[in-house]
Amino acid sequence: MKRFILVLTAAASVLFLSTFAGAKDYAIGIGDILSIRVWGEDSLGADVKVRPDGKISLPGVGDIKADGVTPMALQNAIAARLRGLVHEPMVSVMVHMSSNNAVIVYGPGVRSTVLALDGRTTVLELLAKVAPEVGADLDNATLSRGEQVLAKGFRNIYLEGKGTSDIVLQPGDRLYIPLRENRFVFVMGAVEKPVSVPHYDGMTFLEAVNMAGGFTKFADRNSSVVVRHEASGKRNIPVRAGDLTEKGDSSQNIRLQGGDYILVRKGWF
């Protein structure tokens, strides 16, 4: 019966490890606090902190490397050391507190923070937690691991709900989110309150005009124009806003880009 209880308890410890910090692939780091138990041999267990040299010290084991190895690998290494003292040692290693189980989110397009990973976490789940700013440039956001940039551009998964760039994160990953260089839309001319408004994905001509208080009574709505700066130069896009507001011609309600200028011309009376 005692043997059955020990096996059951050991199995429970393995189950705990499978739910912690990215499951069995979690790598122990310097500063982590480990709870180590040898079943039936209480004097050989201890709660220890991984030292700056990457090692821990245990009764009957001495110094043993912990930094960079998984809990399961450390468990097996400790058991191998104890075989001269204990017959068939049953060892459990649990990460009681992690100091390196986190990812860094930073950049002008997001509130910078350090987030602990709670089990398996993807880029999409992380973005949903941090909620990037309205002007965040998700097209040029990058995910780095060590010295390598793993992926760039996450607008497709976060704002459009599609794509295959949803990556499972690992401790130490860095997500950088910049702001769009041209993150405002400028509304001028025959509107109630000429204004610059922060651009967001999906913003339309009419939404921007409404943010400027709407058209004045002097506006020649069908002579509106969107001025857009492109790599090849400036482009004027005519907008028949009168047809949009009076006839319901939704084709005139064009999608705007950051940096666009809306010019609503005055009519002649």
Protein backbone atom coordinates (compact mmCIF):
# COMPACT_ATOMS: atom_id res chain seq x y z
CA MET A 1 0.00 0.00 0.00
CA LYS A 2 2.82 2.40 0.88
CA ARG A 3 4.45 1.73 -2.49
CA PHE A 4 1.10 2.47 -4.25
CA ILE A 5 0.73 5.78 -2.40
CA LEU A 6 4.27 6.81 -3.32
CA VAL A 7 3.68 6.05 -6.99
CA LEU A 8 0.37 7.94 -6.92
CA THR A 9 2.01 10.93 -5.26
CA ALA A 10 4.86 10.92 -7.75
CA ALA A 11 2.35 10.83 -10.59
CA ALA A 12 0.59 13.83 -9.09
CA SER A 13 3.86 15.75 -9.02
CA VAL A 14 4.41 15.01 -12.70
CA LEU A 15 0.86 16.25 -13.43
CA PHE A 16 1.67 19.47 -11.58
CA LEU A 17 4.78 19.95 -13.67
CA SER A 18 2.85 19.43 -16.90
CA THR A 19 0.66 22.45 -16.10
CA PHE A 20 3.45 24.78 -15.02
CA ALA A 21 5.37 27.21 -17.16
CA GLY A 22 5.00 25.70 -20.57
CA ALA A 23 4.82 22.08 -19.40
CA LYS A 24 7.75 19.66 -19.42
CA ASP A 25 9.81 21.85 -21.76
CA TYR A 26 10.23 24.56 -19.11
CA ALA A 27 13.91 25.28 -18.49
CA ILE A 28 14.87 26.04 -14.91
CA GLY A 29 16.64 29.38 -14.52
CA ILE A 30 18.88 31.20 -12.07
CA GLY A 31 16.80 32.50 -9.16
CA ASP A 32 14.08 29.86 -9.47
CA ILE A 33 12.98 28.29 -6.20
CA LEU A 34 12.64 24.52 -6.39
CA SER A 35 10.80 22.15 -4.09
CA ILE A 36 12.64 18.81 -4.16
CA ARG A 37 11.37 15.72 -2.37
CA VAL A 38 12.66 12.16 -2.09
CA TRP A 39 9.71 9.97 -1.21
CA GLY A 40 10.18 8.12 2.06
CA GLU A 41 13.40 10.05 2.78
CA ASP A 42 12.36 13.43 4.17
CA SER A 43 15.89 14.33 5.25
CA LEU A 44 17.10 14.28 1.65
CA GLY A 45 14.55 16.81 0.37
CA ALA A 46 14.79 20.60 0.48
CA ASP A 47 13.43 23.87 -0.90
CA VAL A 48 16.35 25.47 -2.70
CA LYS A 49 17.09 28.49 -4.85
CA VAL A 50 19.15 28.19 -8.01
CA ARG A 51 22.37 30.10 -7.32
CA PRO A 52 24.04 32.58 -9.70
CA ASP A 53 26.45 29.80 -10.73
CA GLY A 54 23.43 27.80 -11.95
CA LYS A 55 23.72 25.08 -9.30
CA ILE A 56 21.83 23.92 -6.22
CA SER A 57 23.02 21.96 -3.16
CA LEU A 58 21.15 18.98 -1.70
CA PRO A 59 21.79 16.56 1.18
CA GLY A 60 23.41 13.40 -0.11
CA VAL A 61 23.85 14.93 -3.56
CA GLY A 62 26.05 17.99 -3.11
CA ASP A 63 26.20 20.57 -5.89
CA ILE A 64 24.30 19.80 -9.07
CA LYS A 65 23.59 21.89 -12.14
CA ALA A 66 19.97 23.12 -12.42
CA ASP A 67 20.11 26.15 -14.70
CA GLY A 68 18.98 25.39 -18.24
CA VAL A 69 17.61 21.90 -17.57
CA THR A 70 14.01 20.78 -17.27
CA PRO A 71 12.50 19.67 -13.95
CA MET A 72 12.23 16.12 -15.28
CA ALA A 73 15.90 16.07 -16.31
CA LEU A 74 16.96 17.42 -12.90
CA GLN A 75 14.74 14.85 -11.21
CA ASN A 76 16.52 12.04 -13.08
CA ALA A 77 19.97 13.50 -12.35
CA ILE A 78 19.26 13.71 -8.62
CA ALA A 79 17.88 10.17 -8.58
CA ALA A 80 21.07 8.92 -10.26
CA ARG A 81 23.20 10.59 -7.58
CA LEU A 82 21.11 9.07 -4.76
CA ARG A 83 21.20 5.48 -5.95
CA GLY A 84 24.19 4.81 -3.73
CA LEU A 85 22.17 5.90 -0.68
CA VAL A 86 18.58 4.95 -1.47
CA HIS A 87 17.18 1.89 -3.19
CA GLU A 88 15.15 2.99 -6.24
CA PRO A 89 14.93 6.66 -5.18
CA MET A 90 11.70 8.40 -6.20
CA VAL A 91 12.44 12.08 -6.67
CA SER A 92 10.08 14.93 -7.51
CA VAL A 93 11.18 18.40 -8.63
CA MET A 94 8.60 21.17 -8.62
CA VAL A 95 9.23 24.80 -9.55
CA HIS A 96 7.80 26.58 -6.53
CA MET A 97 8.59 30.07 -7.82
CA SER A 98 9.96 31.06 -11.22
CA SER A 99 12.12 34.10 -11.88
CA ASN A 100 12.63 33.57 -15.60
CA ASN A 101 9.21 32.36 -16.75
CA ALA A 102 8.24 35.64 -18.38
CA VAL A 103 8.06 37.47 -21.70
CA ILE A 104 8.72 41.14 -22.31
CA VAL A 105 6.27 43.33 -24.21
CA TYR A 106 7.56 46.80 -25.06
CA GLY A 107 7.56 49.65 -27.54
CA PRO A 108 5.67 52.93 -28.08
CA GLY A 109 2.64 51.07 -29.42
CA VAL A 110 1.85 49.29 -26.15
CA ARG A 111 2.07 49.74 -22.42
CA SER A 112 5.41 48.07 -21.73
CA THR A 113 5.25 45.20 -19.27
CA VAL A 114 6.77 41.89 -18.21
CA LEU A 115 4.24 39.06 -18.13
CA ALA A 116 4.67 35.67 -16.52
CA LEU A 117 3.67 32.75 -18.74
CA ASP A 118 0.81 30.77 -17.25
CA GLY A 119 0.96 27.51 -19.13
CA ARG A 120 0.95 27.38 -22.92
CA THR A 121 0.63 30.95 -24.28
CA THR A 122 0.61 32.13 -27.90
CA VAL A 123 1.26 35.52 -29.49
CA LEU A 124 -2.47 36.05 -30.03
CA GLU A 125 -3.23 35.33 -26.38
CA LEU A 126 -0.48 37.72 -25.32
CA LEU A 127 -1.78 40.50 -27.61
CA ALA A 128 -5.27 40.01 -26.19
CA LYS A 129 -3.87 40.52 -22.68
CA VAL A 130 -1.82 43.65 -23.39
CA ALA A 131 -4.31 45.37 -25.76
CA PRO A 132 -2.00 47.46 -28.03
CA GLU A 133 -2.64 51.18 -28.49
CA VAL A 134 -5.00 52.41 -31.21
CA GLY A 135 -2.03 53.66 -33.24
CA ALA A 136 0.05 50.49 -32.79
CA ASP A 137 1.85 49.31 -35.90
CA LEU A 138 1.10 45.60 -35.74
CA ASP A 139 2.37 45.13 -39.31
CA ASN A 140 5.89 45.91 -38.12
CA ALA A 141 5.70 44.33 -34.67
CA THR A 142 8.41 41.73 -34.08
CA LEU A 143 8.85 38.66 -31.89
CA SER A 144 12.46 37.96 -30.90
CA ARG A 145 14.02 34.99 -29.14
CA GLY A 146 17.62 35.49 -28.13
CA GLU A 147 19.34 37.20 -31.06
CA GLN A 148 16.86 35.89 -33.63
CA VAL A 149 13.74 37.64 -34.93
CA LEU A 150 11.24 34.79 -35.18
CA ALA A 151 8.35 36.64 -36.82
CA LYS A 152 7.22 40.06 -37.98
CA GLY A 153 3.69 41.36 -38.44
CA PHE A 154 0.73 40.24 -36.34
CA ARG A 155 -2.17 42.32 -37.65
CA ASN A 156 -3.56 39.32 -39.55
CA ILE A 157 -4.07 37.22 -36.43
CA TYR A 158 -5.01 39.99 -33.98
CA LEU A 159 -7.30 42.21 -36.07
CA GLU A 160 -8.36 39.93 -38.91
CA GLY A 161 -8.52 36.58 -37.15
CA LYS A 162 -6.55 34.71 -39.76
CA GLY A 163 -3.04 33.61 -40.63
CA THR A 164 -0.58 31.07 -39.32
CA SER A 165 1.83 33.31 -37.40
CA ASP A 166 0.42 32.45 -33.95
CA ILE A 167 3.56 31.22 -32.22
CA VAL A 168 3.80 29.49 -28.85
CA LEU A 169 5.91 31.71 -26.59
CA GLN A 170 8.90 30.68 -24.52
CA PRO A 171 10.40 32.34 -21.42
CA GLY A 172 12.60 35.28 -22.40
CA ASP A 173 10.77 36.04 -25.67
CA ARG A 174 10.45 39.74 -26.55
CA LEU A 175 7.50 41.30 -28.39
CA TYR A 176 8.20 44.79 -29.76
CA ILE A 177 5.25 46.91 -30.92
CA PRO A 178 6.00 50.28 -32.57
CA LEU A 179 3.60 53.09 -33.45
CA ARG A 180 2.62 53.75 -37.03
CA GLU A 181 4.72 56.59 -38.44
CA ASN A 182 1.62 58.14 -40.01
CA ARG A 183 -0.94 57.38 -37.35
CA PHE A 184 -3.28 60.36 -37.80
CA VAL A 185 -5.92 61.35 -40.33
CA PHE A 186 -6.37 65.06 -40.96
CA VAL A 187 -9.82 66.47 -41.74
CA MET A 188 -9.92 70.01 -43.16
CA GLY A 189 -12.10 72.39 -45.10
CA ALA A 190 -15.88 72.72 -44.80
CA VAL A 191 -16.31 70.70 -41.63
CA GLU A 192 -17.47 71.97 -38.26
CA LYS A 193 -14.18 71.35 -36.41
CA PRO A 194 -11.10 70.71 -38.57
CA VAL A 195 -9.13 68.15 -36.63
CA SER A 196 -6.48 65.43 -36.68
CA VAL A 197 -7.77 62.10 -35.37
CA PRO A 198 -5.86 58.92 -34.48
CA HIS A 199 -6.17 56.41 -37.30
CA TYR A 200 -7.35 52.89 -36.59
CA ASP A 201 -7.68 49.90 -38.86
CA GLY A 202 -10.95 50.02 -40.76
CA MET A 203 -11.52 53.78 -40.33
CA THR A 204 -13.75 55.16 -43.11
CA PHE A 205 -14.17 58.56 -44.73
CA LEU A 206 -17.52 59.23 -43.08
CA GLU A 207 -16.29 58.18 -39.63
CA ALA A 208 -13.42 60.68 -39.85
CA VAL A 209 -15.74 63.48 -41.03
CA ASN A 210 -18.12 62.76 -38.15
CA MET A 211 -15.20 63.06 -35.73
CA ALA A 212 -14.70 66.55 -37.15
CA GLY A 213 -18.29 67.47 -36.31
CA GLY A 214 -19.72 66.69 -39.74
CA PHE A 215 -20.08 68.84 -42.86
CA THR A 216 -20.94 72.54 -42.66
CA LYS A 217 -23.90 73.91 -44.59
CA PHE A 218 -21.44 75.37 -47.11
CA ALA A 219 -19.81 72.03 -47.95
CA ASP A 220 -19.78 70.83 -51.54
CA ARG A 221 -19.85 67.21 -50.46
CA ASN A 222 -19.43 65.71 -53.91
CA SER A 223 -16.18 67.64 -54.38
CA SER A 224 -14.48 66.05 -51.38
CA VAL A 225 -11.05 64.55 -51.86
CA VAL A 226 -8.67 62.31 -49.91
CA VAL A 227 -5.02 63.23 -50.37
CA ARG A 228 -2.78 60.21 -49.87
CA HIS A 229 1.01 60.14 -49.89
CA GLU A 230 2.38 56.98 -51.48
CA ALA A 231 5.83 55.77 -52.46
CA SER A 232 5.26 57.01 -56.00
CA GLY A 233 4.06 60.43 -54.84
CA LYS A 234 0.88 62.24 -53.86
CA ARG A 235 -2.45 60.84 -55.03
CA ASN A 236 -5.84 62.60 -54.93
CA ILE A 237 -8.81 60.29 -54.45
CA PRO A 238 -12.15 61.95 -55.30
CA VAL A 239 -15.04 61.20 -52.93
CA ARG A 240 -18.65 61.97 -53.79
CA ALA A 241 -19.73 62.29 -50.17
CA GLY A 242 -23.10 63.72 -51.17
CA ASP A 243 -23.94 60.50 -52.97
CA LEU A 244 -22.82 58.66 -49.84
CA THR A 245 -24.97 60.59 -47.36
CA GLU A 246 -28.00 61.29 -49.57
CA LYS A 247 -28.17 58.27 -51.87
CA GLY A 248 -26.51 55.63 -49.71
CA ASP A 249 -23.68 54.97 -52.17
CA SER A 250 -21.40 53.03 -49.82
CA SER A 251 -18.70 52.74 -52.50
CA GLN A 252 -17.80 56.36 -51.69
CA ASN A 253 -17.13 55.56 -48.04
CA ILE A 254 -13.50 54.59 -48.68
CA ARG A 255 -11.17 53.06 -46.11
CA LEU A 256 -8.58 55.51 -44.87
CA GLN A 257 -4.89 55.04 -44.21
CA GLY A 258 -2.72 56.70 -41.61
CA GLY A 259 -1.44 60.03 -42.94
CA ASP A 260 -4.46 60.68 -45.20
CA TYR A 261 -5.77 64.24 -45.55
CA ILE A 262 -9.49 64.75 -46.10
CA LEU A 263 -10.35 68.01 -47.84
CA VAL A 264 -14.01 69.01 -47.97
CA ARG A 265 -14.36 71.89 -50.42
CA LYS A 266 -16.81 74.75 -50.03
CA GLY A 267 -19.57 75.21 -52.58
CA TRP A 268 -20.36 78.43 -54.43
CA PHE A 269 -23.69 80.01 -53.59
